[in-house]
Protein backbone atom coordinates (compact mmCIF):
# COMPACT_ATOMS: atom_id res chain seq x y z
CA MET A 1 78.66 20.54 -14.23
CA TYR A 2 81.29 22.44 -12.14
CA PHE A 3 80.19 25.58 -10.46
CA ARG A 4 82.59 27.62 -12.35
CA ASP A 5 81.22 26.38 -15.54
CA VAL A 6 77.68 27.38 -14.46
CA VAL A 7 78.95 30.87 -13.70
CA LYS A 8 80.55 31.09 -17.17
CA ARG A 9 77.51 29.82 -18.83
CA GLY A 10 75.31 32.35 -17.09
CA SER A 11 77.63 35.07 -18.02
CA ARG A 12 77.45 34.04 -21.72
CA SER A 13 73.56 34.03 -21.55
CA LEU A 14 73.45 37.65 -20.24
CA ARG A 15 75.92 38.77 -23.07
CA ALA A 16 73.64 37.27 -25.60
CA SER A 17 70.94 39.76 -24.52
CA LYS A 18 72.98 42.81 -23.69
CA LEU A 19 70.41 45.47 -23.92
CA ARG A 20 67.87 43.72 -21.66
CA THR A 21 70.61 42.92 -19.16
CA LEU A 22 71.86 46.46 -19.06
CA LEU A 23 68.40 48.02 -18.68
CA THR A 24 67.63 45.66 -15.78
CA ALA A 25 71.03 46.44 -14.22
CA LEU A 26 70.39 50.23 -14.49
CA ALA A 27 67.29 49.92 -12.32
CA ILE A 28 69.54 48.55 -9.54
CA ALA A 29 72.11 51.03 -10.33
CA VAL A 30 69.90 53.97 -9.46
CA GLY A 31 69.29 52.50 -6.02
CA ALA A 32 73.10 51.90 -5.54
CA PHE A 33 73.64 55.56 -6.69
CA VAL A 34 71.26 56.91 -4.15
CA LEU A 35 72.44 54.56 -1.32
CA SER A 36 76.09 55.36 -2.09
CA LEU A 37 75.50 59.06 -1.81
CA THR A 38 73.50 58.57 1.33
CA LEU A 39 76.31 56.56 3.03
CA ALA A 40 78.92 59.10 1.91
CA ALA A 41 76.84 62.01 3.21
CA SER A 42 76.36 60.11 6.58
CA ASN A 43 80.19 59.61 6.76
CA GLY A 44 80.86 63.17 6.06
CA LEU A 45 78.29 64.50 8.55
CA HIS A 46 79.60 62.12 11.23
CA ASP A 47 83.13 63.08 10.50
CA TYR A 48 82.31 66.85 10.74
CA THR A 49 80.38 66.27 14.14
CA GLY A 50 83.49 64.59 15.44
CA LYS A 51 85.75 67.52 14.53
CA LEU A 52 83.13 69.95 15.86
CA ILE A 53 83.12 68.24 19.24
CA SER A 54 86.92 67.72 19.49
CA ASN A 55 87.65 71.29 18.54
CA ASN A 56 85.39 72.81 21.01
CA PHE A 57 85.24 70.37 24.07
CA ASP A 58 87.79 68.74 26.28
CA PRO A 59 86.76 64.90 26.45
CA SER A 60 87.91 64.90 30.09
CA GLU A 61 85.46 67.78 30.96
CA LEU A 62 81.78 67.51 31.99
CA ILE A 63 79.22 70.23 31.49
CA VAL A 64 77.37 70.34 34.83
CA GLY A 65 74.18 72.20 35.48
CA ARG A 66 71.25 72.29 37.97
CA ASP A 67 68.45 72.25 35.18
CA LYS A 68 68.10 69.40 32.71
CA THR A 69 66.19 71.56 30.44
CA ILE A 70 69.43 73.34 29.38
CA GLY A 71 70.41 70.33 27.33
CA SER A 72 66.93 69.10 26.39
CA GLY A 73 65.68 72.36 25.13
CA SER A 74 62.37 71.76 26.88
CA ALA A 75 62.58 74.83 29.23
CA ALA A 76 60.23 76.82 26.96
CA GLY A 77 57.36 74.38 27.10
CA SER A 78 53.78 75.34 26.41
CA ASP A 79 52.64 74.99 30.04
CA PRO A 80 53.04 77.71 32.68
CA GLN A 81 55.64 76.99 35.46
CA GLU A 82 55.04 77.48 39.13
CA TYR A 83 56.93 80.51 40.23
CA ASP A 84 59.95 80.05 42.53
CA ASP A 85 61.62 83.21 43.96
CA SER A 86 64.88 81.26 44.47
CA ILE A 87 65.23 80.43 40.66
CA SER A 88 66.37 82.87 37.96
CA THR A 89 64.00 83.82 35.25
CA VAL A 90 65.04 83.86 31.70
CA SER A 91 63.36 85.65 28.77
CA VAL A 92 62.39 83.46 25.86
CA GLY A 93 61.37 85.64 22.89
CA ALA A 94 59.58 88.92 23.37
CA LYS A 95 56.44 87.59 25.13
CA SER A 96 57.47 84.76 27.43
CA SER A 97 59.88 83.77 30.16
CA VAL A 98 60.87 80.54 31.92
CA GLN A 99 62.66 79.80 35.15
CA VAL A 100 65.87 77.96 35.05
CA LYS A 101 67.83 76.59 38.04
CA ARG A 102 71.44 77.81 38.18
CA ILE A 103 74.61 76.64 39.80
CA THR A 104 75.57 79.03 42.64
CA GLU A 105 79.19 80.11 43.58
CA ALA A 106 78.91 77.98 46.72
CA GLU A 107 78.01 74.85 44.58
CA ALA A 108 80.81 75.48 42.17
CA GLU A 109 83.22 75.77 45.11
CA GLY A 110 81.77 72.53 46.51
CA LEU A 111 82.58 70.96 43.08
CA ARG A 112 86.20 72.02 43.21
CA GLN A 113 86.51 70.22 46.60
CA LYS A 114 85.61 66.80 45.19
CA PRO A 115 88.59 64.46 44.96
CA TYR A 116 87.97 63.62 41.38
CA VAL A 117 87.85 67.16 40.10
CA GLU A 118 90.84 68.77 38.62
CA LYS A 119 89.33 72.22 37.75
CA VAL A 120 86.04 74.00 37.47
CA ARG A 121 85.41 76.76 34.88
CA GLU A 122 82.42 78.97 35.35
CA ASN A 123 80.15 79.96 32.36
CA PHE A 124 80.41 83.73 32.62
CA GLN A 125 77.74 85.61 30.70
CA ILE A 126 79.59 88.69 29.46
CA THR A 127 77.82 91.55 27.65
CA ILE A 128 80.02 94.36 26.16
CA ARG A 129 78.87 97.71 24.77
CA TYR A 130 81.40 98.05 22.03
CA ILE A 131 85.02 97.32 20.92
CA THR A 132 87.33 100.05 19.62
CA ARG A 133 90.80 101.27 19.66
CA GLU A 134 92.39 104.85 19.75
CA GLY A 135 91.35 106.89 16.79
CA GLN A 136 88.95 104.27 15.40
CA LYS A 137 85.12 103.77 15.19
CA LYS A 138 83.33 101.65 17.77
CA TYR A 139 81.90 98.30 16.93
CA THR A 140 79.52 95.86 18.55
CA GLY A 141 80.65 92.51 19.64
CA GLY A 142 80.71 89.80 22.31
CA ALA A 143 83.26 88.38 24.68
CA GLU A 144 83.82 85.03 26.35
CA PRO A 145 86.57 83.38 28.54
CA TYR A 146 89.11 81.57 26.45
CA ASN A 147 88.59 77.78 26.57
CA PRO A 148 91.88 75.86 26.61
CA SER A 149 90.18 72.83 24.94
CA GLN A 150 89.26 75.01 21.76
CA LYS A 151 91.52 74.86 18.89
CA PRO A 152 91.14 78.16 17.05
CA GLU A 153 92.71 78.68 13.70
CA LEU A 154 95.11 81.63 13.85
CA GLY A 155 95.85 84.22 11.22
CA ALA A 156 98.70 85.61 13.39
CA GLY A 157 100.19 85.32 16.82
CA ALA A 158 100.07 82.31 19.09
CA VAL A 159 98.12 80.80 21.88
CA PRO A 160 99.46 78.62 24.79
CA SER A 161 99.13 74.83 24.31
CA GLY A 162 96.70 73.50 26.88
CA GLY A 163 96.58 76.48 29.26
CA ASP A 164 94.95 79.85 29.63
CA ILE A 165 95.98 82.90 27.70
CA LYS A 166 97.95 85.54 29.50
CA THR A 167 96.08 88.10 31.75
CA GLY A 168 95.53 91.30 29.82
CA SER A 169 95.73 89.68 26.42
CA VAL A 170 92.89 88.96 23.98
CA LEU A 171 92.34 86.81 20.90
CA LEU A 172 90.80 89.08 18.34
CA PRO A 173 88.50 87.73 15.41
CA GLU A 174 89.86 88.52 12.10
CA VAL A 175 86.73 90.37 11.10
CA TYR A 176 87.87 93.26 13.24
CA VAL A 177 91.33 93.64 11.86
CA LYS A 178 90.39 95.96 9.02
CA LEU A 179 87.55 97.62 10.96
CA LEU A 180 89.98 98.74 13.65
CA GLY A 181 92.46 100.07 11.23
CA PHE A 182 95.12 97.41 11.18
CA GLN A 183 96.92 96.68 7.78
CA ASN A 184 96.85 92.89 8.34
CA ASP A 185 96.68 90.18 10.96
CA GLN A 186 100.32 90.49 11.80
CA ASP A 187 100.11 94.29 12.16
CA ALA A 188 97.47 93.75 14.91
CA ILE A 189 99.72 91.62 17.15
CA GLY A 190 100.92 93.44 20.24
CA LYS A 191 98.53 96.42 19.73
CA THR A 192 95.85 97.42 22.31
CA ILE A 193 92.10 97.53 21.98
CA GLN A 194 89.50 98.92 24.40
CA VAL A 195 86.39 97.08 25.40
CA ASP A 196 83.60 99.10 26.92
CA ILE A 197 81.52 97.35 29.68
CA GLN A 198 78.46 98.91 31.29
CA GLN A 199 77.45 98.23 34.80
CA PRO A 200 73.59 97.75 35.16
CA PHE A 201 71.39 99.61 37.55
CA SER A 202 71.44 97.46 40.69
CA THR A 203 68.45 96.70 42.85
CA GLU A 204 70.21 98.13 45.91
CA SER A 205 70.70 101.46 44.09
CA LEU A 206 67.05 101.61 43.25
CA LYS A 207 66.09 100.83 46.76
CA ALA A 208 68.24 103.53 48.02
CA LEU A 209 66.82 106.14 45.57
CA LEU A 210 63.22 105.14 46.45
CA THR A 211 63.74 105.80 50.14
CA SER A 212 65.42 109.12 49.45
CA ASN A 213 63.77 112.42 49.59
CA GLN A 214 64.95 113.71 46.23
CA THR A 215 62.42 115.15 43.93
CA ALA A 216 61.76 113.80 40.37
CA ALA A 217 63.90 116.53 38.84
CA GLN A 218 66.73 115.77 41.26
CA LEU A 219 66.58 112.01 40.64
CA ALA A 220 66.72 112.62 36.85
CA ASN A 221 69.92 114.45 37.07
CA SER A 222 71.37 112.23 39.82
CA GLU A 223 74.63 110.38 39.02
CA ALA A 224 73.21 107.42 40.98
CA VAL A 225 70.66 106.61 38.30
CA LYS A 226 73.16 106.84 35.38
CA ALA A 227 74.64 103.57 34.13
CA LYS A 228 78.37 103.28 34.86
CA ASP A 229 80.86 102.43 32.29
CA GLN A 230 84.42 100.95 32.49
CA VAL A 231 86.81 100.56 29.61
CA PHE A 232 89.05 97.59 29.79
CA SER A 233 92.27 97.47 27.68
CA TYR A 234 93.68 94.27 26.24
CA THR A 235 96.82 93.54 24.17
CA ILE A 236 96.23 91.46 21.15
CA ALA A 237 97.99 88.08 21.46
CA ALA A 238 96.61 86.40 18.31
CA VAL A 239 94.16 86.95 15.57
CA THR A 240 91.63 84.18 15.10
CA LYS A 241 89.83 82.96 11.95
CA LYS A 242 86.21 81.74 12.00
CA THR A 243 86.33 78.05 11.04
CA ALA A 244 83.72 75.79 9.98
CA THR A 245 83.92 73.96 13.34
CA SER A 246 83.40 77.11 15.36
CA LEU A 247 80.27 77.09 17.56
CA ALA A 248 80.01 80.93 17.47
CA ILE A 249 76.68 82.14 16.08
CA GLY A 250 77.00 85.40 14.12
CA VAL A 251 80.05 87.52 14.86
CA GLU A 252 82.82 85.54 16.53
CA PRO A 253 83.47 86.95 20.09
CA ILE A 254 86.78 88.18 21.53
CA ARG A 255 88.39 85.71 23.99
CA ILE A 256 89.98 86.93 27.11
CA SER A 257 91.59 84.98 29.99
CA SER A 258 89.55 83.45 32.72
CA THR A 259 90.98 86.05 35.16
CA ASP A 260 90.06 88.90 33.01
CA ALA A 261 86.56 87.34 32.41
CA ARG A 262 86.00 87.13 36.13
CA GLU A 263 87.05 90.86 36.47
CA VAL A 264 84.58 91.96 33.74
CA TYR A 265 81.84 89.69 35.02
CA ASP A 266 82.12 91.14 38.62
CA PHE A 267 81.89 94.62 37.31
CA SER A 268 78.91 93.98 35.04
CA ALA A 269 76.89 91.61 37.16
CA LYS A 270 77.72 92.61 40.80
CA GLY A 271 74.57 93.87 42.58
CA THR A 272 72.17 92.06 40.18
CA THR A 273 70.05 89.04 41.21
CA ASP A 274 71.95 86.67 38.82
CA TYR A 275 75.36 87.53 40.21
CA ASN A 276 77.48 84.42 40.97
CA LYS A 277 74.85 82.17 39.34
CA TYR A 278 75.71 80.22 36.34
CA LEU A 279 73.69 78.25 33.78
CA PHE A 280 76.40 75.55 33.85
CA VAL A 281 80.05 75.03 34.84
CA SER A 282 82.73 72.99 33.06
CA VAL A 283 84.19 70.32 35.36
CA GLN A 284 87.47 68.86 34.43
CA VAL A 285 87.88 65.24 35.76
CA LYS A 286 91.26 64.03 36.98
CA ASP A 287 92.45 61.51 34.46
CA GLY A 288 89.24 62.17 32.59
CA ALA A 289 90.78 60.49 29.43
CA ASP A 290 89.90 57.20 31.31
CA ALA A 291 86.44 56.50 30.31
CA ALA A 292 85.68 54.47 33.67
CA LYS A 293 86.79 57.45 35.77
CA LEU A 294 84.87 59.90 33.67
CA ASN A 295 81.70 57.69 33.85
CA ALA A 296 82.17 57.39 37.72
CA ALA A 297 82.30 61.19 38.05
CA GLU A 298 79.18 61.53 35.93
CA ASP A 299 77.37 58.95 38.02
CA ASN A 300 78.33 60.72 41.25
CA LEU A 301 77.25 64.22 40.05
CA ARG A 302 73.92 62.74 38.78
CA SER A 303 73.29 61.08 42.17
CA GLU A 304 73.61 64.62 43.82
CA GLY A 305 70.90 66.00 41.51
CA PHE A 306 73.17 67.70 38.88
CA TYR A 307 72.49 67.64 35.08
CA VAL A 308 75.60 66.23 33.43
CA GLN A 309 76.70 65.98 29.84
CA SER A 310 79.98 64.74 28.44
CA SER A 311 81.40 65.54 24.95
CA LYS A 312 80.34 61.99 23.99
CA ASP A 313 76.75 62.85 25.02
CA LEU A 314 76.77 65.97 23.01
CA GLN A 315 78.05 64.24 20.03
CA LYS A 316 75.49 61.46 20.28
CA THR A 317 72.68 64.07 20.56
CA ILE A 318 73.87 65.75 17.22
CA THR A 319 74.39 62.35 15.42
CA GLN A 320 70.82 61.33 16.29
CA PHE A 321 69.62 64.08 13.83
CA VAL A 322 72.23 62.95 11.32
CA ASN A 323 71.04 59.35 11.62
CA ILE A 324 67.38 60.31 11.18
CA LEU A 325 68.16 62.29 8.19
CA THR A 326 70.27 59.42 6.65
CA ILE A 327 67.44 56.90 7.22
CA MET A 328 64.96 59.30 5.54
CA VAL A 329 67.19 59.74 2.44
CA GLY A 330 68.18 56.03 2.36
CA VAL A 331 64.54 54.81 2.25
CA PHE A 332 64.19 56.32 -1.22
CA GLY A 333 67.25 54.33 -2.27
CA PHE A 334 65.68 51.26 -0.80
CA ILE A 335 62.46 51.81 -2.54
CA THR A 336 64.26 52.02 -5.89
CA VAL A 337 66.13 48.68 -5.13
CA ILE A 338 62.74 47.07 -4.28
CA ALA A 339 61.32 48.35 -7.51
CA SER A 340 64.27 46.81 -9.37
CA VAL A 341 63.53 43.43 -7.81
CA PHE A 342 60.44 43.13 -9.84
CA GLY A 343 62.41 44.15 -12.98
CA ILE A 344 64.79 41.23 -12.32
CA VAL A 345 61.90 38.76 -11.63
CA ASN A 346 60.31 39.88 -14.99
CA THR A 347 63.54 39.77 -16.99
CA GLN A 348 64.36 36.27 -15.68
CA TYR A 349 60.90 34.93 -16.32
CA ILE A 350 61.12 36.14 -19.84
CA SER A 351 64.55 34.49 -20.17
CA VAL A 352 63.01 31.17 -18.91
CA LEU A 353 60.30 31.34 -21.59
CA GLU A 354 62.72 32.24 -24.33
CA ARG A 355 65.12 29.35 -23.40
CA THR A 356 62.49 26.62 -22.70
CA ARG A 357 63.90 24.29 -25.41
CA GLU A 358 67.41 25.07 -24.16
CA ILE A 359 66.43 24.05 -20.54
CA GLY A 360 64.87 20.83 -21.93
CA LEU A 361 68.08 20.02 -23.85
CA MET A 362 70.30 20.59 -20.80
CA LYS A 363 68.03 18.29 -18.69
CA ALA A 364 67.96 15.65 -21.36
CA LEU A 365 71.95 15.80 -21.36
CA GLY A 366 71.93 15.11 -17.68
CA MET A 367 71.98 18.53 -16.05
CA ALA A 368 70.22 18.22 -12.59
CA ARG A 369 67.29 20.41 -11.48
CA GLY A 370 69.59 22.09 -8.75
CA GLU A 371 72.12 23.13 -11.51
CA ILE A 372 69.33 24.54 -13.71
CA SER A 373 68.00 26.54 -10.63
CA GLN A 374 71.61 27.60 -9.86
CA LEU A 375 72.23 28.85 -13.42
CA PHE A 376 69.37 31.34 -13.39
CA MET A 377 70.11 32.55 -9.90
CA ILE A 378 73.82 33.22 -10.91
CA GLU A 379 72.52 35.24 -13.90
CA ALA A 380 70.54 37.26 -11.54
CA THR A 381 73.48 37.69 -9.29
CA TRP A 382 75.55 38.95 -12.33
CA ILE A 383 72.86 41.54 -12.88
CA GLY A 384 73.09 42.59 -9.17
CA LEU A 385 76.86 42.86 -9.49
CA LEU A 386 76.72 44.88 -12.75
CA GLY A 387 74.08 47.26 -11.41
CA GLY A 388 75.64 47.74 -8.05
CA ALA A 389 79.03 48.42 -9.55
CA LEU A 390 77.66 51.00 -12.08
CA GLY A 391 75.57 52.80 -9.33
CA SER A 392 78.50 52.86 -6.89
CA ILE A 393 81.01 54.17 -9.32
CA ALA A 394 78.49 56.77 -10.55
CA GLY A 395 78.00 57.84 -6.93
CA ILE A 396 81.81 58.04 -6.22
CA VAL A 397 82.42 60.04 -9.41
CA THR A 398 79.49 62.36 -8.66
CA GLY A 399 80.77 62.85 -5.08
CA ILE A 400 84.27 63.76 -6.15
CA ALA A 401 82.97 66.33 -8.61
CA LEU A 402 80.48 67.78 -6.09
CA ASN A 403 82.68 67.93 -2.98
CA PRO A 404 84.67 71.12 -3.81
CA TYR A 405 81.43 72.93 -4.72
CA LEU A 406 79.50 71.65 -1.52
CA THR A 407 82.46 72.39 0.66
CA LYS A 408 82.51 76.03 -0.51
CA LYS A 409 78.78 76.40 -0.62
CA LEU A 410 78.19 74.99 2.92
CA ASP A 411 81.39 76.69 4.22
CA LEU A 412 82.75 73.49 5.69
CA GLY A 413 86.24 74.78 5.67
CA ALA A 414 89.52 73.35 4.26
CA GLY A 415 90.03 69.59 4.96
CA ASN A 416 86.30 68.90 5.40
CA SER A 417 84.07 67.28 2.85
CA LEU A 418 80.35 66.56 2.87
CA LEU A 419 80.68 63.25 0.87
CA ILE A 420 83.15 60.73 2.18
CA TYR A 421 83.38 57.33 0.52
CA ARG A 422 84.90 54.18 2.29
CA PRO A 423 85.87 51.31 0.25
CA LEU A 424 84.52 48.65 2.63
CA GLN A 425 81.15 50.30 2.65
CA MET A 426 81.04 50.29 -1.10
CA ALA A 427 82.04 46.67 -1.30
CA LEU A 428 79.32 45.76 1.19
CA LEU A 429 76.77 47.76 -0.64
CA ILE A 430 77.47 45.93 -3.90
CA ALA A 431 77.50 42.47 -2.02
CA ALA A 432 74.08 43.39 -0.58
CA LEU A 433 72.71 44.38 -3.97
CA MET A 434 74.05 41.01 -5.38
CA LEU A 435 72.26 39.07 -2.65
CA VAL A 436 68.99 41.07 -3.25
CA ALA A 437 69.20 40.20 -6.90
CA THR A 438 69.94 36.51 -6.19
CA ILE A 439 66.80 36.33 -4.11
CA ALA A 440 64.91 38.11 -6.82
CA GLY A 441 66.07 35.39 -9.21
CA LEU A 442 64.77 32.61 -7.00
CA LEU A 443 61.24 32.24 -8.35
CA PRO A 444 62.17 32.25 -12.07
CA ALA A 445 64.98 29.74 -11.29
CA ARG A 446 62.48 27.41 -9.62
CA LYS A 447 60.27 27.62 -12.60
CA ALA A 448 63.08 26.61 -14.95
CA ALA A 449 64.14 23.80 -12.72
CA LYS A 450 60.59 22.30 -12.65
CA LEU A 451 60.14 22.19 -16.36
CA ASP A 452 59.57 18.73 -17.90
CA PRO A 453 62.39 18.14 -20.40
CA ILE A 454 60.09 16.29 -22.89
CA GLU A 455 57.45 19.07 -22.77
CA ALA A 456 60.31 21.56 -23.06
CA LEU A 457 61.90 19.97 -26.04
CA ARG A 458 58.46 20.06 -27.81
CA THR A 459 58.21 23.83 -27.36
CA GLU A 460 58.44 25.79 -30.67
């Protein structure tokens, strides 16, 4: 008997017992449904992670620090650290602190002198008191230097392509537009806002006061002990919208040029013990788009004792969590598939018992044992195909229906979806389930092939 005839005969046998075939296939369909959703969610999360990294980091830049605990998150361990006066102390919560090595200005300058370095951007820590404009209320907020590798979504205005914004300019988050009395995003462009920065009480000032002969009352009224403020004015160059790929936590910060950031940082940090010390700096590598040159720069910096991370390293760290979550969810689908295997075995055994006389007749007419075995394995394969197709189609339909709701609920932003289906993956999933079903049909098929034709024909 030709193979195509065996396939057709197996198909007819399954159609003869439609309900049993459908129920067995549905067991596989449940597993296919769970696995298709798992694959789609994994695709969506990996795609989102890629956009998150590409929209916030320059692939030719390296994040360079002196303390590996910055990236590992292990700084706040449970064991006390030996105190080192040369290292900065950072508070962790309300009752603990850790010491973190920082990059000094001299080290940052040394990085600039390296032949493979294009540019070095310091990570300025800027603290502002409030943001306001003339005649309006004051609002809290944050500030950071503009990162040319970021791709902010604009409500109005424009930003330079690949370069820093103009000195004296600011990118204002859209949340401040109505608060500061602007009619809309466009109305804010070209207008001026004021940012109040407070200078901390320096250790030098404290030493000077302690060595003075002033009384307590005189010290209390002394201008020297009062915090100094300075108001910086900036012209709004663009209004930014908070996107789903923004790394800002809470209220999005205003963004100023690196020159302005340096000026504000000098005013707010000069005289403190942390002045000109940075948790990390961003090092742009010459021709950093070339993976070989980027890797060579990483190796060189690590050999000098620096902690280094590239955008690929950051993406890999994030995707590790995604992969673990995918595996955990996928296990449930796999368990369902394994359970369905027993259903296939049971169904095929019943089929062998019901068709014993038919098997005996086929053997008496000259059908070989291998062809008998092949017939029952093909029937199992048909069940796997039916179940895999039903589960995958149900998963795709469910994903298409849920995507708009999930995108809105999780605030993923326009153009992003949590569930992304890829045809090749779905085809491979169905093929894998067909293979599993075929293997499940192996034992019943062997039983059918071993039946003695004379005994089989005697069966009532």
